[in-house]
């Protein structure tokens, strides 16, 4: 019975997500943060990649989501940098920029990210989020 309670404690662990979202619209930022919270995550939002770099120690977050914004190349470089330090890190770059080099972690919409996280936001449009967002840098 003691082993069973330990297993329950481990499965109930709150997952932590870092969200790099430089969108000027704070309501969209708050909505995206809320969706991840509804998926059972404790969310740590930051506006700039520089702030995210300071917080990204290997194993610090279960997931990192970067909203590409106007400078998706900077987001791609950041994601590559994180994965070079911690290849097991779950990381996503949300961008509709099809000119970027292909990466497994690139998703085109917030709904696609939520599906990969394990939940779907349902009521959201399929419009890419970075078309509305400013740079995440």
N, C-alpha and C. Protein backbone atom coordinates (compact mmCIF):
# COMPACT_ATOMS: atom_id res chain seq x y z
N UNK A 1 0.83 -1.19 0.00
CA UNK A 1 0.00 0.00 0.00
C UNK A 1 0.87 1.26 0.00
N UNK A 2 1.97 1.21 0.73
CA UNK A 2 2.87 2.36 0.79
C UNK A 2 3.42 2.69 -0.61
N UNK A 3 3.76 1.68 -1.39
CA UNK A 3 4.27 1.89 -2.75
C UNK A 3 3.20 2.52 -3.62
N UNK A 4 1.94 2.12 -3.40
CA UNK A 4 0.85 2.69 -4.17
C UNK A 4 0.72 4.19 -3.93
N UNK A 5 0.83 4.62 -2.68
CA UNK A 5 0.71 6.04 -2.39
C UNK A 5 1.88 6.83 -2.97
N UNK A 6 3.06 6.23 -3.02
CA UNK A 6 4.20 6.90 -3.65
C UNK A 6 3.95 7.09 -5.14
N UNK A 7 3.38 6.06 -5.78
CA UNK A 7 3.09 6.17 -7.21
C UNK A 7 2.09 7.28 -7.47
N UNK A 8 1.09 7.42 -6.62
CA UNK A 8 0.10 8.47 -6.78
C UNK A 8 0.73 9.85 -6.63
N UNK A 9 1.66 9.97 -5.70
CA UNK A 9 2.34 11.25 -5.53
C UNK A 9 3.13 11.62 -6.77
N UNK A 10 3.81 10.66 -7.37
CA UNK A 10 4.59 10.93 -8.57
C UNK A 10 3.70 11.28 -9.75
N UNK A 11 2.56 10.61 -9.89
CA UNK A 11 1.68 10.89 -11.02
C UNK A 11 0.94 12.21 -10.83
N UNK A 12 0.81 12.68 -9.60
CA UNK A 12 0.13 13.94 -9.33
C UNK A 12 1.08 15.15 -9.37
N UNK A 13 2.33 14.92 -9.70
CA UNK A 13 3.31 16.00 -9.75
C UNK A 13 2.87 17.05 -10.76
N UNK A 14 2.93 18.30 -10.37
CA UNK A 14 2.54 19.40 -11.24
C UNK A 14 3.64 19.60 -12.28
N UNK A 15 3.24 19.60 -13.53
CA UNK A 15 4.20 19.84 -14.60
C UNK A 15 4.42 21.34 -14.75
N UNK A 16 5.65 21.72 -15.02
CA UNK A 16 6.00 23.14 -15.15
C UNK A 16 6.27 23.47 -16.61
N UNK A 17 5.71 24.60 -17.04
CA UNK A 17 5.88 25.05 -18.42
C UNK A 17 6.40 26.48 -18.43
N UNK A 18 7.41 26.70 -19.24
CA UNK A 18 7.92 28.05 -19.49
C UNK A 18 7.34 28.49 -20.82
N UNK A 19 6.72 29.67 -20.84
CA UNK A 19 6.14 30.20 -22.07
C UNK A 19 6.83 31.51 -22.41
N UNK A 20 7.47 31.54 -23.57
CA UNK A 20 8.14 32.74 -24.06
C UNK A 20 7.17 33.37 -25.06
N UNK A 21 6.52 34.43 -24.65
CA UNK A 21 5.45 35.02 -25.46
C UNK A 21 5.57 36.53 -25.43
N UNK A 22 6.11 37.10 -26.49
CA UNK A 22 6.29 38.54 -26.58
C UNK A 22 5.13 39.25 -27.24
N UNK A 23 3.98 38.61 -27.32
CA UNK A 23 2.79 39.21 -27.92
C UNK A 23 2.43 40.49 -27.17
N UNK A 24 2.20 41.57 -27.89
CA UNK A 24 1.83 42.83 -27.26
C UNK A 24 0.44 42.79 -26.64
N UNK A 25 -0.38 41.86 -27.07
CA UNK A 25 -1.75 41.74 -26.55
C UNK A 25 -1.73 40.88 -25.28
N UNK A 26 -1.82 41.52 -24.14
CA UNK A 26 -1.73 40.78 -22.88
C UNK A 26 -2.90 39.82 -22.68
N UNK A 27 -4.04 40.10 -23.32
CA UNK A 27 -5.18 39.20 -23.19
C UNK A 27 -4.92 37.87 -23.91
N UNK A 28 -4.27 37.92 -25.08
CA UNK A 28 -3.91 36.68 -25.77
C UNK A 28 -2.88 35.91 -24.96
N UNK A 29 -1.91 36.64 -24.38
CA UNK A 29 -0.90 35.97 -23.54
C UNK A 29 -1.58 35.28 -22.36
N UNK A 30 -2.51 35.99 -21.73
CA UNK A 30 -3.21 35.44 -20.56
C UNK A 30 -4.05 34.23 -20.97
N UNK A 31 -4.67 34.29 -22.13
CA UNK A 31 -5.49 33.17 -22.60
C UNK A 31 -4.62 31.93 -22.83
N UNK A 32 -3.48 32.10 -23.46
CA UNK A 32 -2.60 30.95 -23.72
C UNK A 32 -2.07 30.37 -22.41
N UNK A 33 -1.71 31.25 -21.49
CA UNK A 33 -1.25 30.78 -20.18
C UNK A 33 -2.36 29.99 -19.49
N UNK A 34 -3.58 30.49 -19.57
CA UNK A 34 -4.73 29.82 -18.96
C UNK A 34 -4.98 28.44 -19.55
N UNK A 35 -4.79 28.29 -20.85
CA UNK A 35 -5.00 26.99 -21.48
C UNK A 35 -4.00 25.95 -20.96
N UNK A 36 -2.77 26.38 -20.79
CA UNK A 36 -1.77 25.45 -20.24
C UNK A 36 -2.07 25.13 -18.79
N UNK A 37 -2.57 26.10 -18.05
CA UNK A 37 -2.95 25.85 -16.66
C UNK A 37 -4.10 24.85 -16.60
N UNK A 38 -5.05 24.98 -17.51
CA UNK A 38 -6.16 24.03 -17.57
C UNK A 38 -5.68 22.62 -17.91
N UNK A 39 -4.56 22.55 -18.62
CA UNK A 39 -3.97 21.24 -18.96
C UNK A 39 -3.18 20.67 -17.79
N UNK A 40 -3.20 21.37 -16.64
CA UNK A 40 -2.56 20.86 -15.45
C UNK A 40 -1.14 21.32 -15.24
N UNK A 41 -0.75 22.38 -15.92
CA UNK A 41 0.62 22.87 -15.80
C UNK A 41 0.70 24.13 -14.95
N UNK A 42 1.81 24.26 -14.26
CA UNK A 42 2.13 25.53 -13.61
C UNK A 42 2.94 26.31 -14.64
N UNK A 43 2.47 27.49 -14.99
CA UNK A 43 3.04 28.24 -16.10
C UNK A 43 3.90 29.39 -15.60
N UNK A 44 5.07 29.50 -16.21
CA UNK A 44 6.01 30.58 -15.93
C UNK A 44 6.18 31.39 -17.20
N UNK A 45 5.43 32.49 -17.35
CA UNK A 45 5.51 33.28 -18.58
C UNK A 45 6.67 34.27 -18.55
N UNK A 46 7.32 34.44 -19.69
CA UNK A 46 8.33 35.47 -19.86
C UNK A 46 8.08 36.14 -21.21
N UNK A 47 8.47 37.40 -21.31
CA UNK A 47 8.24 38.16 -22.55
C UNK A 47 9.40 38.05 -23.53
N UNK A 48 10.60 37.87 -23.02
CA UNK A 48 11.78 37.92 -23.89
C UNK A 48 12.61 36.65 -23.78
N UNK A 49 13.23 36.30 -24.88
CA UNK A 49 14.08 35.11 -24.92
C UNK A 49 15.24 35.25 -23.94
N UNK A 50 15.76 36.45 -23.78
CA UNK A 50 16.87 36.65 -22.83
C UNK A 50 16.47 36.25 -21.41
N UNK A 51 15.22 36.56 -21.04
CA UNK A 51 14.72 36.18 -19.72
C UNK A 51 14.56 34.66 -19.62
N UNK A 52 14.14 34.05 -20.71
CA UNK A 52 13.98 32.59 -20.72
C UNK A 52 15.33 31.91 -20.59
N UNK A 53 16.34 32.42 -21.26
CA UNK A 53 17.68 31.83 -21.17
C UNK A 53 18.16 31.76 -19.73
N UNK A 54 17.89 32.82 -18.99
CA UNK A 54 18.33 32.88 -17.59
C UNK A 54 17.64 31.82 -16.73
N UNK A 55 16.46 31.37 -17.13
CA UNK A 55 15.69 30.42 -16.32
C UNK A 55 15.81 28.98 -16.80
N UNK A 56 16.36 28.77 -17.98
CA UNK A 56 16.37 27.44 -18.59
C UNK A 56 17.58 26.60 -18.20
N UNK A 57 17.52 26.03 -17.06
CA UNK A 57 18.52 25.06 -16.63
C UNK A 57 17.97 23.68 -17.01
N UNK A 58 18.83 22.74 -17.40
CA UNK A 58 18.33 21.40 -17.74
C UNK A 58 17.45 20.82 -16.63
N UNK A 59 16.27 20.38 -17.03
CA UNK A 59 15.34 19.76 -16.09
C UNK A 59 14.47 20.73 -15.31
N UNK A 60 14.65 22.03 -15.51
CA UNK A 60 13.87 23.01 -14.75
C UNK A 60 12.39 23.03 -15.16
N UNK A 61 12.11 22.74 -16.43
CA UNK A 61 10.74 22.77 -16.93
C UNK A 61 10.42 21.48 -17.67
N UNK A 62 9.17 21.06 -17.53
CA UNK A 62 8.72 19.89 -18.26
C UNK A 62 8.47 20.23 -19.72
N UNK A 63 8.12 21.48 -19.97
CA UNK A 63 7.83 21.91 -21.33
C UNK A 63 8.23 23.37 -21.49
N UNK A 64 8.69 23.71 -22.69
CA UNK A 64 8.96 25.10 -23.04
C UNK A 64 8.21 25.38 -24.33
N UNK A 65 7.44 26.46 -24.35
CA UNK A 65 6.72 26.88 -25.55
C UNK A 65 7.19 28.28 -25.92
N UNK A 66 7.61 28.45 -27.16
CA UNK A 66 8.09 29.73 -27.66
C UNK A 66 7.14 30.19 -28.76
N UNK A 67 6.56 31.38 -28.59
CA UNK A 67 5.71 31.95 -29.62
C UNK A 67 6.64 32.72 -30.55
N UNK A 68 6.70 32.30 -31.82
CA UNK A 68 7.68 32.83 -32.76
C UNK A 68 7.59 34.31 -33.03
N UNK A 69 6.41 34.85 -33.13
CA UNK A 69 6.26 36.27 -33.39
C UNK A 69 6.90 36.69 -34.70
N UNK A 70 7.32 37.94 -34.76
CA UNK A 70 7.90 38.48 -35.98
C UNK A 70 9.30 37.95 -36.23
N UNK A 71 9.99 37.52 -35.20
CA UNK A 71 11.35 37.02 -35.36
C UNK A 71 11.43 35.54 -34.98
N UNK A 72 10.83 34.73 -35.83
CA UNK A 72 10.80 33.29 -35.56
C UNK A 72 12.21 32.68 -35.63
N UNK A 73 13.11 33.30 -36.40
CA UNK A 73 14.48 32.79 -36.47
C UNK A 73 15.16 32.81 -35.10
N UNK A 74 14.92 33.87 -34.34
CA UNK A 74 15.48 33.97 -33.00
C UNK A 74 14.91 32.86 -32.10
N UNK A 75 13.61 32.60 -32.24
CA UNK A 75 12.99 31.51 -31.49
C UNK A 75 13.57 30.16 -31.87
N UNK A 76 13.84 29.96 -33.17
CA UNK A 76 14.44 28.71 -33.64
C UNK A 76 15.83 28.53 -33.05
N UNK A 77 16.62 29.59 -33.06
CA UNK A 77 17.97 29.54 -32.48
C UNK A 77 17.91 29.20 -30.99
N UNK A 78 16.96 29.83 -30.29
CA UNK A 78 16.80 29.57 -28.86
C UNK A 78 16.45 28.09 -28.61
N UNK A 79 15.50 27.58 -29.38
CA UNK A 79 15.09 26.18 -29.21
C UNK A 79 16.27 25.24 -29.48
N UNK A 80 17.03 25.52 -30.54
CA UNK A 80 18.20 24.69 -30.86
C UNK A 80 19.22 24.74 -29.72
N UNK A 81 19.40 25.93 -29.17
CA UNK A 81 20.35 26.11 -28.05
C UNK A 81 19.93 25.27 -26.84
N UNK A 82 18.65 25.33 -26.50
CA UNK A 82 18.13 24.57 -25.35
C UNK A 82 18.31 23.08 -25.59
N UNK A 83 17.97 22.62 -26.79
CA UNK A 83 18.08 21.19 -27.08
C UNK A 83 19.52 20.71 -27.13
N UNK A 84 20.45 21.59 -27.47
CA UNK A 84 21.86 21.19 -27.46
C UNK A 84 22.35 20.96 -26.03
N UNK A 85 21.78 21.70 -25.08
CA UNK A 85 22.15 21.54 -23.67
C UNK A 85 21.37 20.42 -22.99
N UNK A 86 20.13 20.20 -23.44
CA UNK A 86 19.26 19.20 -22.83
C UNK A 86 18.42 18.53 -23.92
N UNK A 87 18.96 17.50 -24.58
CA UNK A 87 18.26 16.86 -25.69
C UNK A 87 16.91 16.25 -25.33
N UNK A 88 16.65 16.01 -24.05
CA UNK A 88 15.39 15.42 -23.62
C UNK A 88 14.30 16.47 -23.37
N UNK A 89 14.64 17.74 -23.46
CA UNK A 89 13.68 18.82 -23.15
C UNK A 89 12.53 18.80 -24.16
N UNK A 90 11.31 18.83 -23.65
CA UNK A 90 10.14 18.98 -24.53
C UNK A 90 10.02 20.47 -24.83
N UNK A 91 10.11 20.83 -26.11
CA UNK A 91 10.10 22.23 -26.49
C UNK A 91 9.31 22.39 -27.78
N UNK A 92 8.60 23.51 -27.91
CA UNK A 92 7.82 23.79 -29.10
C UNK A 92 8.02 25.23 -29.52
N UNK A 93 8.08 25.45 -30.82
CA UNK A 93 8.10 26.79 -31.40
C UNK A 93 6.82 26.93 -32.21
N UNK A 94 5.97 27.89 -31.82
CA UNK A 94 4.72 28.12 -32.53
C UNK A 94 4.96 29.23 -33.55
N UNK A 95 4.90 28.86 -34.82
CA UNK A 95 5.12 29.84 -35.88
C UNK A 95 4.49 29.35 -37.18
N UNK A 96 4.02 30.28 -37.97
CA UNK A 96 3.50 29.93 -39.30
C UNK A 96 4.54 30.19 -40.37
N UNK A 97 5.72 30.64 -39.98
CA UNK A 97 6.79 30.93 -40.93
C UNK A 97 7.28 29.63 -41.56
N UNK A 98 6.96 29.43 -42.81
CA UNK A 98 7.32 28.19 -43.51
C UNK A 98 8.71 28.27 -44.14
N UNK A 99 9.37 29.40 -43.99
CA UNK A 99 10.71 29.57 -44.53
C UNK A 99 11.80 29.09 -43.57
N UNK A 100 11.41 28.76 -42.35
CA UNK A 100 12.37 28.29 -41.36
C UNK A 100 12.85 26.88 -41.72
N UNK A 101 14.06 26.53 -41.32
CA UNK A 101 14.51 25.15 -41.51
C UNK A 101 13.58 24.21 -40.74
N UNK A 102 13.41 23.01 -41.25
CA UNK A 102 12.52 22.04 -40.65
C UNK A 102 13.06 21.54 -39.30
N UNK A 103 12.20 21.53 -38.30
CA UNK A 103 12.53 20.99 -36.98
C UNK A 103 11.32 20.24 -36.47
N UNK A 104 11.56 19.18 -35.69
CA UNK A 104 10.46 18.39 -35.14
C UNK A 104 9.61 19.20 -34.17
N UNK A 105 10.18 20.18 -33.53
CA UNK A 105 9.47 20.92 -32.48
C UNK A 105 8.65 22.10 -33.01
N UNK A 106 8.67 22.37 -34.30
CA UNK A 106 7.90 23.49 -34.84
C UNK A 106 6.45 23.07 -35.03
N UNK A 107 5.54 23.87 -34.46
CA UNK A 107 4.10 23.68 -34.66
C UNK A 107 3.55 24.96 -35.27
N UNK A 108 2.51 24.85 -36.06
CA UNK A 108 1.99 25.99 -36.81
C UNK A 108 0.94 26.82 -36.07
N UNK A 109 0.24 26.19 -35.12
CA UNK A 109 -0.83 26.89 -34.40
C UNK A 109 -0.77 26.55 -32.91
N UNK A 110 -1.43 27.37 -32.12
CA UNK A 110 -1.52 27.10 -30.69
C UNK A 110 -2.31 25.81 -30.46
N UNK A 111 -3.35 25.57 -31.26
CA UNK A 111 -4.13 24.34 -31.12
C UNK A 111 -3.27 23.11 -31.36
N UNK A 112 -2.37 23.19 -32.33
CA UNK A 112 -1.47 22.06 -32.59
C UNK A 112 -0.56 21.82 -31.38
N UNK A 113 -0.09 22.89 -30.77
CA UNK A 113 0.73 22.75 -29.57
C UNK A 113 -0.07 22.09 -28.45
N UNK A 114 -1.30 22.55 -28.24
CA UNK A 114 -2.12 22.00 -27.17
C UNK A 114 -2.42 20.52 -27.42
N UNK A 115 -2.57 20.12 -28.67
CA UNK A 115 -2.78 18.72 -29.00
C UNK A 115 -1.56 17.90 -28.62
N UNK A 116 -0.38 18.42 -28.90
CA UNK A 116 0.86 17.71 -28.56
C UNK A 116 1.08 17.67 -27.05
N UNK A 117 0.59 18.68 -26.35
CA UNK A 117 0.70 18.71 -24.89
C UNK A 117 -0.23 17.67 -24.27
N UNK A 118 -1.32 17.35 -25.00
CA UNK A 118 -2.22 16.33 -24.50
C UNK A 118 -3.62 16.84 -24.26
N UNK A 119 -3.90 18.02 -24.75
CA UNK A 119 -5.25 18.57 -24.63
C UNK A 119 -5.48 19.47 -25.82
N UNK A 120 -6.72 19.75 -26.12
CA UNK A 120 -7.03 20.65 -27.22
C UNK A 120 -7.85 21.81 -26.70
N UNK A 121 -7.55 22.98 -27.19
CA UNK A 121 -8.26 24.16 -26.72
C UNK A 121 -9.64 24.26 -27.33
N UNK A 122 -9.88 23.55 -28.44
CA UNK A 122 -11.22 23.45 -28.99
C UNK A 122 -11.74 24.69 -29.66
N UNK A 123 -12.00 25.74 -28.93
CA UNK A 123 -12.70 26.90 -29.46
C UNK A 123 -11.80 27.89 -30.18
N UNK A 124 -10.55 27.56 -30.38
CA UNK A 124 -9.64 28.52 -30.98
C UNK A 124 -9.58 28.36 -32.47
N UNK A 125 -9.32 29.46 -33.14
CA UNK A 125 -9.18 29.43 -34.59
C UNK A 125 -7.89 28.74 -34.96
N UNK A 126 -7.82 28.31 -36.19
CA UNK A 126 -6.62 27.68 -36.69
C UNK A 126 -5.63 28.71 -37.21
N UNK A 127 -5.93 29.99 -37.06
CA UNK A 127 -5.00 31.02 -37.51
C UNK A 127 -3.73 30.96 -36.68
N UNK A 128 -2.59 31.00 -37.35
CA UNK A 128 -1.33 30.96 -36.60
C UNK A 128 -1.22 32.11 -35.63
N UNK A 129 -0.75 31.83 -34.44
CA UNK A 129 -0.68 32.84 -33.40
C UNK A 129 0.38 33.89 -33.67
N UNK A 130 1.44 33.54 -34.41
CA UNK A 130 2.51 34.52 -34.57
C UNK A 130 2.15 35.60 -35.56
N UNK A 131 1.07 35.42 -36.35
CA UNK A 131 0.65 36.48 -37.24
C UNK A 131 0.15 37.68 -36.45
N UNK A 132 -0.36 37.42 -35.24
CA UNK A 132 -0.89 38.49 -34.40
C UNK A 132 0.14 38.97 -33.40
N UNK A 133 1.18 38.20 -33.22
CA UNK A 133 2.14 38.48 -32.15
C UNK A 133 3.29 39.36 -32.64
N UNK A 134 3.85 40.06 -31.71
CA UNK A 134 5.07 40.78 -32.02
C UNK A 134 6.25 39.87 -31.72
N UNK A 135 7.42 40.35 -31.85
CA UNK A 135 8.60 39.52 -31.65
C UNK A 135 8.70 39.02 -30.22
N UNK A 136 9.19 37.80 -30.07
CA UNK A 136 9.36 37.21 -28.74
C UNK A 136 10.70 37.64 -28.14
N UNK A 137 11.45 38.38 -28.89
CA UNK A 137 12.79 38.77 -28.42
C UNK A 137 12.76 40.06 -27.65
